[in-house]
PDB file of N, CA and C in Angstrom:
ATOM      1  N   MET A   1      19.057  -6.770-270.527  1.00  0.00           N
ATOM      2  CA  MET A   1      19.892  -6.880-269.395  1.00  0.00           C
ATOM      3  C   MET A   1      19.832  -8.141-268.776  1.00  0.00           C
ATOM      4  N   ASP A   2      21.014  -8.716-268.267  1.00  0.00           N
ATOM      5  CA  ASP A   2      21.135  -9.954-267.852  1.00  0.00           C
ATOM      6  C   ASP A   2      20.215 -10.134-266.577  1.00  0.00           C
ATOM      7  N   LYS A   3      19.482 -11.094-266.701  1.00  0.00           N
ATOM      8  CA  LYS A   3      18.250 -11.358-265.625  1.00  0.00           C
ATOM      9  C   LYS A   3      19.118 -11.768-264.265  1.00  0.00           C
ATOM     10  N   ARG A   4      20.273 -12.308-264.372  1.00  0.00           N
ATOM     11  CA  ARG A   4      20.939 -12.792-263.275  1.00  0.00           C
ATOM     12  C   ARG A   4      21.206 -11.513-262.298  1.00  0.00           C
ATOM     13  N   ILE A   5      21.620 -10.400-262.968  1.00  0.00           N
ATOM     14  CA  ILE A   5      21.935  -9.138-262.179  1.00  0.00           C
ATOM     15  C   ILE A   5      20.506  -8.762-261.465  1.00  0.00           C
ATOM     16  N   LEU A   6      19.533  -8.755-262.215  1.00  0.00           N
ATOM     17  CA  LEU A   6      18.316  -8.324-261.640  1.00  0.00           C
ATOM     18  C   LEU A   6      17.899  -9.172-260.407  1.00  0.00           C
ATOM     19  N   SER A   7      18.229 -10.508-260.629  1.00  0.00           N
ATOM     20  CA  SER A   7      17.862 -11.428-259.688  1.00  0.00           C
ATOM     21  C   SER A   7      18.549 -11.228-258.281  1.00  0.00           C
ATOM     22  N   PHE A   8      19.983 -10.974-258.679  1.00  0.00           N
ATOM     23  CA  PHE A   8      20.769 -10.739-257.418  1.00  0.00           C
ATOM     24  C   PHE A   8      20.397  -9.482-256.744  1.00  0.00           C
ATOM     25  N   LEU A   9      20.099  -8.405-257.466  1.00  0.00           N
ATOM     26  CA  LEU A   9      19.690  -7.079-256.847  1.00  0.00           C
ATOM     27  C   LEU A   9      18.320  -7.364-256.010  1.00  0.00           C
ATOM     28  N   GLY A  10      17.430  -8.209-256.502  1.00  0.00           N
ATOM     29  CA  GLY A  10      16.218  -8.610-255.676  1.00  0.00           C
ATOM     30  C   GLY A  10      16.641  -9.303-254.466  1.00  0.00           C
ATOM     31  N   LEU A  11      17.589 -10.194-254.547  1.00  0.00           N
ATOM     32  CA  LEU A  11      17.979 -11.064-253.475  1.00  0.00           C
ATOM     33  C   LEU A  11      18.715 -10.148-252.375  1.00  0.00           C
ATOM     34  N   ALA A  12      19.523  -9.238-252.898  1.00  0.00           N
ATOM     35  CA  ALA A  12      20.164  -8.329-251.884  1.00  0.00           C
ATOM     36  C   ALA A  12      19.221  -7.432-251.317  1.00  0.00           C
ATOM     37  N   GLN A  13      18.072  -7.044-251.965  1.00  0.00           N
ATOM     38  CA  GLN A  13      16.947  -6.336-251.322  1.00  0.00           C
ATOM     39  C   GLN A  13      16.374  -7.038-250.240  1.00  0.00           C
ATOM     40  N   ARG A  14      15.944  -8.293-250.521  1.00  0.00           N
ATOM     41  CA  ARG A  14      15.357  -9.080-249.555  1.00  0.00           C
ATOM     42  C   ARG A  14      16.077  -9.469-248.277  1.00  0.00           C
ATOM     43  N   SER A  15      17.478  -9.508-248.456  1.00  0.00           N
ATOM     44  CA  SER A  15      18.300  -9.764-247.337  1.00  0.00           C
ATOM     45  C   SER A  15      18.763  -8.615-246.561  1.00  0.00           C
ATOM     46  N   GLY A  16      18.326  -7.476-247.054  1.00  0.00           N
ATOM     47  CA  GLY A  16      18.789  -6.222-246.315  1.00  0.00           C
ATOM     48  C   GLY A  16      19.949  -5.738-246.757  1.00  0.00           C
ATOM     49  N   ASN A  17      20.717  -6.106-247.680  1.00  0.00           N
ATOM     50  CA  ASN A  17      21.907  -5.800-248.108  1.00  0.00           C
ATOM     51  C   ASN A  17      21.902  -4.659-249.337  1.00  0.00           C
ATOM     52  N   LEU A  18      20.764  -4.148-249.733  1.00  0.00           N
ATOM     53  CA  LEU A  18      20.672  -3.200-250.635  1.00  0.00           C
ATOM     54  C   LEU A  18      20.080  -1.900-250.140  1.00  0.00           C
ATOM     55  N   ILE A  19      20.646  -0.908-250.297  1.00  0.00           N
ATOM     56  CA  ILE A  19      20.291   0.560-250.004  1.00  0.00           C
ATOM     57  C   ILE A  19      19.903   1.246-251.318  1.00  0.00           C
ATOM     58  N   THR A  20      18.717   1.942-251.275  1.00  0.00           N
ATOM     59  CA  THR A  20      18.327   2.632-252.561  1.00  0.00           C
ATOM     60  C   THR A  20      17.938   4.087-252.181  1.00  0.00           C
ATOM     61  N   GLY A  21      17.980   4.977-253.122  1.00  0.00           N
ATOM     62  CA  GLY A  21      17.717   6.409-253.050  1.00  0.00           C
ATOM     63  C   GLY A  21      18.858   7.339-252.764  1.00  0.00           C
ATOM     64  N   GLU A  22      18.955   8.328-253.362  1.00  0.00           N
ATOM     65  CA  GLU A  22      20.042   9.283-253.154  1.00  0.00           C
ATOM     66  C   GLU A  22      20.476   9.673-251.721  1.00  0.00           C
ATOM     67  N   ASP A  23      19.579  10.036-250.995  1.00  0.00           N
ATOM     68  CA  ASP A  23      19.896  10.543-249.664  1.00  0.00           C
ATOM     69  C   ASP A  23      20.296   9.324-248.787  1.00  0.00           C
ATOM     70  N   THR A  24      19.576   8.251-248.775  1.00  0.00           N
ATOM     71  CA  THR A  24      19.846   7.090-247.870  1.00  0.00           C
ATOM     72  C   THR A  24      21.231   6.493-248.410  1.00  0.00           C
ATOM     73  N   CYS A  25      21.532   6.444-249.696  1.00  0.00           N
ATOM     74  CA  CYS A  25      22.845   6.001-250.191  1.00  0.00           C
ATOM     75  C   CYS A  25      24.019   6.833-249.661  1.00  0.00           C
ATOM     76  N   GLU A  26      23.741   8.194-249.877  1.00  0.00           N
ATOM     77  CA  GLU A  26      24.724   9.129-249.519  1.00  0.00           C
ATOM     78  C   GLU A  26      25.172   8.916-247.933  1.00  0.00           C
ATOM     79  N   TYR A  27      24.077   8.718-247.115  1.00  0.00           N
ATOM     80  CA  TYR A  27      24.377   8.667-245.793  1.00  0.00           C
ATOM     81  C   TYR A  27      25.122   7.303-245.446  1.00  0.00           C
ATOM     82  N   HIS A  28      24.877   6.259-246.118  1.00  0.00           N
ATOM     83  CA  HIS A  28      25.521   5.018-245.945  1.00  0.00           C
ATOM     84  C   HIS A  28      26.928   4.984-246.404  1.00  0.00           C
ATOM     85  N   ILE A  29      27.140   5.706-247.546  1.00  0.00           N
ATOM     86  CA  ILE A  29      28.429   5.900-248.210  1.00  0.00           C
ATOM     87  C   ILE A  29      29.392   6.593-247.276  1.00  0.00           C
ATOM     88  N   LYS A  30      28.904   7.680-246.728  1.00  0.00           N
ATOM     89  CA  LYS A  30      29.631   8.440-245.716  1.00  0.00           C
ATOM     90  C   LYS A  30      29.984   7.671-244.463  1.00  0.00           C
ATOM     91  N   LYS A  31      29.081   6.830-244.092  1.00  0.00           N
ATOM     92  CA  LYS A  31      29.322   6.025-242.875  1.00  0.00           C
ATOM     93  C   LYS A  31      30.156   4.837-243.091  1.00  0.00           C
ATOM     94  N   GLY A  32      30.631   4.453-244.382  1.00  0.00           N
ATOM     95  CA  GLY A  32      31.583   3.436-244.591  1.00  0.00           C
ATOM     96  C   GLY A  32      30.829   1.998-244.762  1.00  0.00           C
ATOM     97  N   HIS A  33      29.536   2.065-244.934  1.00  0.00           N
ATOM     98  CA  HIS A  33      28.978   0.718-244.958  1.00  0.00           C
ATOM     99  C   HIS A  33      28.778   0.183-246.396  1.00  0.00           C
ATOM    100  N   ILE A  34      29.173   0.789-247.275  1.00  0.00           N
ATOM    101  CA  ILE A  34      28.867   0.337-248.727  1.00  0.00           C
ATOM    102  C   ILE A  34      30.113  -0.145-249.437  1.00  0.00           C
ATOM    103  N   ARG A  35      29.804  -1.157-250.257  1.00  0.00           N
ATOM    104  CA  ARG A  35      30.822  -1.914-251.095  1.00  0.00           C
ATOM    105  C   ARG A  35      30.798  -1.670-252.464  1.00  0.00           C
ATOM    106  N   LEU A  36      29.663  -1.445-253.027  1.00  0.00           N
ATOM    107  CA  LEU A  36      29.410  -1.218-254.491  1.00  0.00           C
ATOM    108  C   LEU A  36      28.249  -0.311-254.540  1.00  0.00           C
ATOM    109  N   VAL A  37      28.505   0.673-255.519  1.00  0.00           N
ATOM    110  CA  VAL A  37      27.319   1.746-255.891  1.00  0.00           C
ATOM    111  C   VAL A  37      27.124   1.373-257.321  1.00  0.00           C
ATOM    112  N   ILE A  38      25.822   1.321-257.643  1.00  0.00           N
ATOM    113  CA  ILE A  38      25.213   1.332-259.038  1.00  0.00           C
ATOM    114  C   ILE A  38      24.453   2.547-259.307  1.00  0.00           C
ATOM    115  N   ILE A  39      24.818   3.229-260.484  1.00  0.00           N
ATOM    116  CA  ILE A  39      24.222   4.402-260.885  1.00  0.00           C
ATOM    117  C   ILE A  39      23.616   4.239-262.325  1.00  0.00           C
ATOM    118  N   PRO A  40      22.346   4.252-262.472  1.00  0.00           N
ATOM    119  CA  PRO A  40      21.675   3.956-263.788  1.00  0.00           C
ATOM    120  C   PRO A  40      22.179   4.858-264.894  1.00  0.00           C
ATOM    121  N   LEU A  41      22.181   4.404-266.078  1.00  0.00           N
ATOM    122  CA  LEU A  41      22.691   5.352-267.089  1.00  0.00           C
ATOM    123  C   LEU A  41      21.903   6.573-267.286  1.00  0.00           C
ATOM    124  N   ASP A  42      20.474   6.471-267.004  1.00  0.00           N
ATOM    125  CA  ASP A  42      19.624   7.460-267.189  1.00  0.00           C
ATOM    126  C   ASP A  42      19.439   8.455-265.980  1.00  0.00           C
ATOM    127  N   ALA A  43      20.428   8.330-264.968  1.00  0.00           N
ATOM    128  CA  ALA A  43      20.320   9.303-263.790  1.00  0.00           C
ATOM    129  C   ALA A  43      20.871  10.611-264.288  1.00  0.00           C
ATOM    130  N   SER A  44      20.598  11.577-263.598  1.00  0.00           N
ATOM    131  CA  SER A  44      20.976  12.975-264.119  1.00  0.00           C
ATOM    132  C   SER A  44      22.480  12.983-263.998  1.00  0.00           C
ATOM    133  N   GLU A  45      22.988  13.872-264.778  1.00  0.00           N
ATOM    134  CA  GLU A  45      24.495  14.072-264.911  1.00  0.00           C
ATOM    135  C   GLU A  45      24.976  14.535-263.465  1.00  0.00           C
ATOM    136  N   ASN A  46      24.190  15.328-262.731  1.00  0.00           N
ATOM    137  CA  ASN A  46      24.597  15.852-261.432  1.00  0.00           C
ATOM    138  C   ASN A  46      24.676  14.718-260.378  1.00  0.00           C
ATOM    139  N   THR A  47      23.652  13.803-260.508  1.00  0.00           N
ATOM    140  CA  THR A  47      23.648  12.642-259.673  1.00  0.00           C
ATOM    141  C   THR A  47      24.968  11.763-259.992  1.00  0.00           C
ATOM    142  N   LYS A  48      25.158  11.448-261.192  1.00  0.00           N
ATOM    143  CA  LYS A  48      26.270  10.721-261.686  1.00  0.00           C
ATOM    144  C   LYS A  48      27.629  11.230-261.102  1.00  0.00           C
ATOM    145  N   LYS A  49      27.816  12.532-261.298  1.00  0.00           N
ATOM    146  CA  LYS A  49      28.994  13.158-260.798  1.00  0.00           C
ATOM    147  C   LYS A  49      29.130  13.163-259.343  1.00  0.00           C
ATOM    148  N   LYS A  50      28.113  13.512-258.642  1.00  0.00           N
ATOM    149  CA  LYS A  50      28.116  13.482-257.155  1.00  0.00           C
ATOM    150  C   LYS A  50      28.502  12.224-256.644  1.00  0.00           C
ATOM    151  N   PHE A  51      27.994  11.079-257.106  1.00  0.00           N
ATOM    152  CA  PHE A  51      28.174   9.725-256.510  1.00  0.00           C
ATOM    153  C   PHE A  51      29.529   9.188-256.960  1.00  0.00           C
ATOM    154  N   LYS A  52      29.970   9.522-258.249  1.00  0.00           N
ATOM    155  CA  LYS A  52      31.318   9.078-258.728  1.00  0.00           C
ATOM    156  C   LYS A  52      32.313   9.835-257.843  1.00  0.00           C
ATOM    157  N   ASP A  53      32.107  11.056-257.557  1.00  0.00           N
ATOM    158  CA  ASP A  53      33.172  11.735-256.826  1.00  0.00           C
ATOM    159  C   ASP A  53      33.189  11.218-255.282  1.00  0.00           C
ATOM    160  N   MET A  54      32.064  10.913-254.862  1.00  0.00           N
ATOM    161  CA  MET A  54      31.836  10.459-253.463  1.00  0.00           C
ATOM    162  C   MET A  54      32.567   9.072-253.405  1.00  0.00           C
ATOM    163  N   CYS A  55      32.325   8.260-254.298  1.00  0.00           N
ATOM    164  CA  CYS A  55      32.977   6.984-254.280  1.00  0.00           C
ATOM    165  C   CYS A  55      34.437   7.093-254.579  1.00  0.00           C
ATOM    166  N   ASP A  56      34.804   7.811-255.497  1.00  0.00           N
ATOM    167  CA  ASP A  56      36.321   7.925-255.719  1.00  0.00           C
ATOM    168  C   ASP A  56      36.988   8.330-254.531  1.00  0.00           C
ATOM    169  N   PHE A  57      36.501   9.318-253.822  1.00  0.00           N
ATOM    170  CA  PHE A  57      36.996   9.919-252.528  1.00  0.00           C
ATOM    171  C   PHE A  57      37.277   8.814-251.454  1.00  0.00           C
ATOM    172  N   ARG A  58      36.251   7.828-251.407  1.00  0.00           N
ATOM    173  CA  ARG A  58      36.264   6.944-250.334  1.00  0.00           C
ATOM    174  C   ARG A  58      36.779   5.494-250.823  1.00  0.00           C
ATOM    175  N   GLY A  59      37.084   5.356-251.941  1.00  0.00           N
ATOM    176  CA  GLY A  59      37.676   4.200-252.578  1.00  0.00           C
ATOM    177  C   GLY A  59      36.660   3.085-252.691  1.00  0.00           C
ATOM    178  N   ILE A  60      35.295   3.526-253.055  1.00  0.00           N
ATOM    179  CA  ILE A  60      34.286   2.468-253.271  1.00  0.00           C
ATOM    180  C   ILE A  60      34.114   2.274-254.651  1.00  0.00           C
ATOM    181  N   ARG A  61      33.933   0.978-254.969  1.00  0.00           N
ATOM    182  CA  ARG A  61      33.687   0.605-256.370  1.00  0.00           C
ATOM    183  C   ARG A  61      32.262   1.235-256.838  1.00  0.00           C
ATOM    184  N   TYR A  62      32.144   1.621-258.038  1.00  0.00           N
ATOM    185  CA  TYR A  62      30.937   1.936-258.528  1.00  0.00           C
ATOM    186  C   TYR A  62      30.758   1.634-260.101  1.00  0.00           C
ATOM    187  N   VAL A  63      29.598   1.399-260.550  1.00  0.00           N
ATOM    188  CA  VAL A  63      29.329   1.175-261.963  1.00  0.00           C
ATOM    189  C   VAL A  63      28.187   2.111-262.417  1.00  0.00           C
ATOM    190  N   ILE A  64      28.269   2.481-263.615  1.00  0.00           N
ATOM    191  CA  ILE A  64      27.097   3.248-264.302  1.00  0.00           C
ATOM    192  C   ILE A  64      26.497   2.153-265.238  1.00  0.00           C
ATOM    193  N   PHE A  65      25.256   1.768-264.962  1.00  0.00           N
ATOM    194  CA  PHE A  65      24.879   0.611-265.594  1.00  0.00           C
ATOM    195  C   PHE A  65      23.350   0.552-265.568  1.00  0.00           C
ATOM    196  N   GLY A  66      22.617   0.062-266.579  1.00  0.00           N
ATOM    197  CA  GLY A  66      21.230  -0.151-266.497  1.00  0.00           C
ATOM    198  C   GLY A  66      20.494   1.064-266.620  1.00  0.00           C
ATOM    199  N   LYS A  67      19.133   0.734-266.570  1.00  0.00           N
ATOM    200  CA  LYS A  67      18.159   1.858-266.591  1.00  0.00           C
ATOM    201  C   LYS A  67      17.246   1.941-265.420  1.00  0.00           C
ATOM    202  N   ARG A  68      16.853   3.108-264.920  1.00  0.00           N
ATOM    203  CA  ARG A  68      16.089   3.331-263.577  1.00  0.00           C
ATOM    204  C   ARG A  68      14.980   2.302-263.517  1.00  0.00           C
ATOM    205  N   ASP A  69      14.199   2.258-264.571  1.00  0.00           N
ATOM    206  CA  ASP A  69      13.006   1.512-264.423  1.00  0.00           C
ATOM    207  C   ASP A  69      13.314  -0.012-264.387  1.00  0.00           C
ATOM    208  N   GLU A  70      14.217  -0.557-265.083  1.00  0.00           N
ATOM    209  CA  GLU A  70      14.577  -1.949-265.003  1.00  0.00           C
ATOM    210  C   GLU A  70      15.149  -2.343-263.536  1.00  0.00           C
ATOM    211  N   LEU A  71      15.961  -1.493-263.124  1.00  0.00           N
ATOM    212  CA  LEU A  71      16.598  -1.642-261.844  1.00  0.00           C
ATOM    213  C   LEU A  71      15.573  -1.574-260.661  1.00  0.00           C
ATOM    214  N   SER A  72      14.715  -0.541-260.704  1.00  0.00           N
ATOM    215  CA  SER A  72      13.728  -0.406-259.858  1.00  0.00           C
ATOM    216  C   SER A  72      12.681  -1.458-259.776  1.00  0.00           C
ATOM    217  N   SER A  73      12.262  -1.915-260.832  1.00  0.00           N
ATOM    218  CA  SER A  73      11.371  -3.124-261.051  1.00  0.00           C
ATOM    219  C   SER A  73      11.913  -4.251-260.317  1.00  0.00           C
ATOM    220  N   ALA A  74      13.217  -4.630-260.533  1.00  0.00           N
ATOM    221  CA  ALA A  74      13.831  -5.768-259.922  1.00  0.00           C
ATOM    222  C   ALA A  74      13.714  -5.823-258.433  1.00  0.00           C
ATOM    223  N   ILE A  75      13.743  -4.585-257.754  1.00  0.00           N
ATOM    224  CA  ILE A  75      13.776  -4.609-256.303  1.00  0.00           C
ATOM    225  C   ILE A  75      12.235  -4.230-255.754  1.00  0.00           C
ATOM    226  N   GLY A  76      11.379  -4.018-256.763  1.00  0.00           N
ATOM    227  CA  GLY A  76       9.947  -3.696-256.243  1.00  0.00           C
ATOM    228  C   GLY A  76       9.774  -2.389-255.688  1.00  0.00           C
ATOM    229  N   LYS A  77      10.710  -1.474-256.116  1.00  0.00           N
ATOM    230  CA  LYS A  77      10.499   0.049-255.662  1.00  0.00           C
ATOM    231  C   LYS A  77      10.570   0.758-256.940  1.00  0.00           C
ATOM    232  N   SER A  78       9.819   1.977-256.897  1.00  0.00           N
ATOM    233  CA  SER A  78       9.901   2.860-258.048  1.00  0.00           C
ATOM    234  C   SER A  78      10.796   3.985-258.139  1.00  0.00           C
ATOM    235  N   ASN A  79      11.306   4.124-259.323  1.00  0.00           N
ATOM    236  CA  ASN A  79      12.188   5.205-259.666  1.00  0.00           C
ATOM    237  C   ASN A  79      13.395   5.651-258.789  1.00  0.00           C
ATOM    238  N   ARG A  80      14.165   4.732-258.506  1.00  0.00           N
ATOM    239  CA  ARG A  80      15.312   4.899-257.757  1.00  0.00           C
ATOM    240  C   ARG A  80      16.673   5.381-258.563  1.00  0.00           C
ATOM    241  N   ALA A  81      17.367   6.387-258.070  1.00  0.00           N
ATOM    242  CA  ALA A  81      18.490   6.834-258.998  1.00  0.00           C
ATOM    243  C   ALA A  81      19.752   6.243-258.451  1.00  0.00           C
ATOM    244  N   VAL A  82      19.950   5.647-257.434  1.00  0.00           N
ATOM    245  CA  VAL A  82      21.066   5.109-256.873  1.00  0.00           C
ATOM    246  C   VAL A  82      20.902   3.838-256.110  1.00  0.00           C
ATOM    247  N   TYR A  83      21.796   2.980-256.224  1.00  0.00           N
ATOM    248  CA  TYR A  83      21.702   1.630-255.507  1.00  0.00           C
ATOM    249  C   TYR A  83      23.046   1.350-254.836  1.00  0.00           C
ATOM    250  N   ALA A  84      23.058   0.968-253.780  1.00  0.00           N
ATOM    251  CA  ALA A  84      24.309   0.652-252.960  1.00  0.00           C
ATOM    252  C   ALA A  84      24.220  -0.755-252.191  1.00  0.00           C
ATOM    253  N   ILE A  85      25.229  -1.504-252.423  1.00  0.00           N
ATOM    254  CA  ILE A  85      25.310  -2.869-251.799  1.00  0.00           C
ATOM    255  C   ILE A  85      26.233  -2.764-250.589  1.00  0.00           C
ATOM    256  N   LYS A  86      25.638  -3.313-249.440  1.00  0.00           N
ATOM    257  CA  LYS A  86      26.346  -3.353-248.160  1.00  0.00           C
ATOM    258  C   LYS A  86      27.312  -4.527-248.141  1.00  0.00           C
ATOM    259  N   ASP A  87      26.935  -5.661-248.509  1.00  0.00           N
ATOM    260  CA  ASP A  87      27.652  -7.010-248.305  1.00  0.00           C
ATOM    261  C   ASP A  87      28.805  -7.144-249.323  1.00  0.00           C
ATOM    262  N   ALA A  88      29.920  -7.423-248.855  1.00  0.00           N
ATOM    263  CA  ALA A  88      31.022  -7.575-249.778  1.00  0.00           C
ATOM    264  C   ALA A  88      30.880  -8.794-250.839  1.00  0.00           C
ATOM    265  N   VAL A  89      30.231  -9.839-250.348  1.00  0.00           N
ATOM    266  CA  VAL A  89      29.969 -11.005-251.264  1.00  0.00           C
ATOM    267  C   VAL A  89      29.032 -10.650-252.424  1.00  0.00           C
ATOM    268  N   PHE A  90      27.887 -10.048-251.971  1.00  0.00           N
ATOM    269  CA  PHE A  90      26.895  -9.649-252.892  1.00  0.00           C
ATOM    270  C   PHE A  90      27.499  -8.472-253.924  1.00  0.00           C
ATOM    271  N   ALA A  91      28.233  -7.665-253.340  1.00  0.00           N
ATOM    272  CA  ALA A  91      28.910  -6.575-254.248  1.00  0.00           C
ATOM    273  C   ALA A  91      29.866  -7.149-255.209  1.00  0.00           C
ATOM    274  N   SER A  92      30.680  -8.129-254.752  1.00  0.00           N
ATOM    275  CA  SER A  92      31.489  -8.813-255.710  1.00  0.00           C
ATOM    276  C   SER A  92      30.815  -9.557-256.824  1.00  0.00           C
ATOM    277  N   LYS A  93      29.825 -10.332-256.443  1.00  0.00           N
ATOM    278  CA  LYS A  93      29.181 -11.131-257.427  1.00  0.00           C
ATOM    279  C   LYS A  93      28.315 -10.093-258.326  1.00  0.00           C
ATOM    280  N   ILE A  94      27.597  -9.190-257.881  1.00  0.00           N
ATOM    281  CA  ILE A  94      26.829  -8.261-258.805  1.00  0.00           C
ATOM    282  C   ILE A  94      27.805  -7.443-259.736  1.00  0.00           C
ATOM    283  N   HIS A  95      28.963  -7.007-259.236  1.00  0.00           N
ATOM    284  CA  HIS A  95      29.905  -6.242-259.927  1.00  0.00           C
ATOM    285  C   HIS A  95      30.494  -7.190-261.059  1.00  0.00           C
ATOM    286  N   SER A  96      30.804  -8.409-260.799  1.00  0.00           N
ATOM    287  CA  SER A  96      31.361  -9.344-261.760  1.00  0.00           C
ATOM    288  C   SER A  96      30.281  -9.657-262.947  1.00  0.00           C
ATOM    289  N   LEU A  97      29.073  -9.880-262.469  1.00  0.00           N
ATOM    290  CA  LEU A  97      27.897 -10.009-263.442  1.00  0.00           C
ATOM    291  C   LEU A  97      27.803  -8.815-264.481  1.00  0.00           C
ATOM    292  N   ILE A  98      27.847  -7.586-263.683  1.00  0.00           N
ATOM    293  CA  ILE A  98      27.799  -6.334-264.505  1.00  0.00           C
ATOM    294  C   ILE A  98      28.809  -6.281-265.425  1.00  0.00           C
ATOM    295  N   MET A  99      30.045  -6.388-265.067  1.00  0.00           N
ATOM    296  CA  MET A  99      31.383  -6.436-265.871  1.00  0.00           C
ATOM    297  C   MET A  99      31.299  -7.398-267.111  1.00  0.00           C
ATOM    298  N   GLU A 100      30.765  -8.601-266.832  1.00  0.00           N
ATOM    299  CA  GLU A 100      30.574  -9.644-267.805  1.00  0.00           C
ATOM    300  C   GLU A 100      29.506  -9.230-268.820  1.00  0.00           C
ATOM    301  N   SER A 101      28.426  -8.630-268.334  1.00  0.00           N
ATOM    302  CA  SER A 101      27.395  -8.298-269.181  1.00  0.00           C
ATOM    303  C   SER A 101      27.856  -7.041-270.099  1.00  0.00           C
ATOM    304  N   MET A 102      28.646  -6.105-269.550  1.00  0.00           N
ATOM    305  CA  MET A 102      29.232  -5.040-270.354  1.00  0.00           C
ATOM    306  C   MET A 102      30.153  -5.533-271.373  1.00  0.00           C
ATOM    307  N   GLU A 103      30.985  -6.544-271.043  1.00  0.00           N
ATOM    308  CA  GLU A 103      31.782  -7.087-272.021  1.00  0.00           C
ATOM    309  C   GLU A 103      31.154  -7.689-273.109  1.00  0.00           C
ATOM    310  N   ASP A 104      30.084  -8.405-272.796  1.00  0.00           N
ATOM    311  CA  ASP A 104      29.256  -9.125-273.814  1.00  0.00           C
ATOM    312  C   ASP A 104      28.590  -7.972-274.817  1.00  0.00           C
ATOM    313  N   LEU A 105      28.134  -6.908-274.159  1.00  0.00           N
ATOM    314  CA  LEU A 105      27.635  -5.841-275.047  1.00  0.00           C
ATOM    315  C   LEU A 105      28.741  -5.324-275.897  1.00  0.00           C
ATOM    316  N   ASN A 106      29.817  -5.099-275.443  1.00  0.00           N
ATOM    317  CA  ASN A 106      30.971  -4.422-276.279  1.00  0.00           C
ATOM    318  C   ASN A 106      31.335  -5.452-277.240  1.00  0.00           C
ATOM    319  N   SER A 107      31.412  -6.706-277.067  1.00  0.00           N
ATOM    320  CA  SER A 107      31.778  -7.672-278.109  1.00  0.00           C
ATOM    321  C   SER A 107      30.662  -7.878-279.200  1.00  0.00           C
ATOM    322  N   LEU A 108      29.456  -7.384-278.909  1.00  0.00           N
ATOM    323  CA  LEU A 108      28.274  -7.479-279.900  1.00  0.00           C
ATOM    324  C   LEU A 108      28.215  -6.074-280.558  1.00  0.00           C
ATOM    325  N   GLY A 109      28.891  -5.032-280.034  1.00  0.00           N
ATOM    326  CA  GLY A 109      28.882  -3.833-280.789  1.00  0.00           C
ATOM    327  C   GLY A 109      27.775  -2.892-280.223  1.00  0.00           C
ATOM    328  N   GLY A 110      27.383  -3.048-279.084  1.00  0.00           N
ATOM    329  CA  GLY A 110      26.426  -2.183-278.513  1.00  0.00           C
ATOM    330  C   GLY A 110      25.280  -2.746-277.933  1.00  0.00           C
ATOM    331  N   GLU A 111      24.203  -2.108-277.602  1.00  0.00           N
ATOM    332  CA  GLU A 111      23.102  -2.692-276.903  1.00  0.00           C
ATOM    333  C   GLU A 111      22.197  -3.507-277.952  1.00  0.00           C
TER     334      GLU A 111
END
């Protein structure tokens, strides 16, 4: 995984712009505070569907990316299933880095 993504997630955490955990993310999504949701690839299918539907309904960008342990390690918290970015600038930068990383993986033929 691109270290820049993990660094930006850590920076978002330290600046107070990252929300983690299913219940907390759901609350902030419903309140309209969130600009980007990151769902790890190894989250349960139920969790993926729930947050994809929630984001689609509210017009919030989301990505299914990374693994729980890598993302959790980057922010210094354990076993988080959902990550939500509040700040539009952080959300845009992290989203573009994730898209770039996914394109790089696709051009290489996988992981």
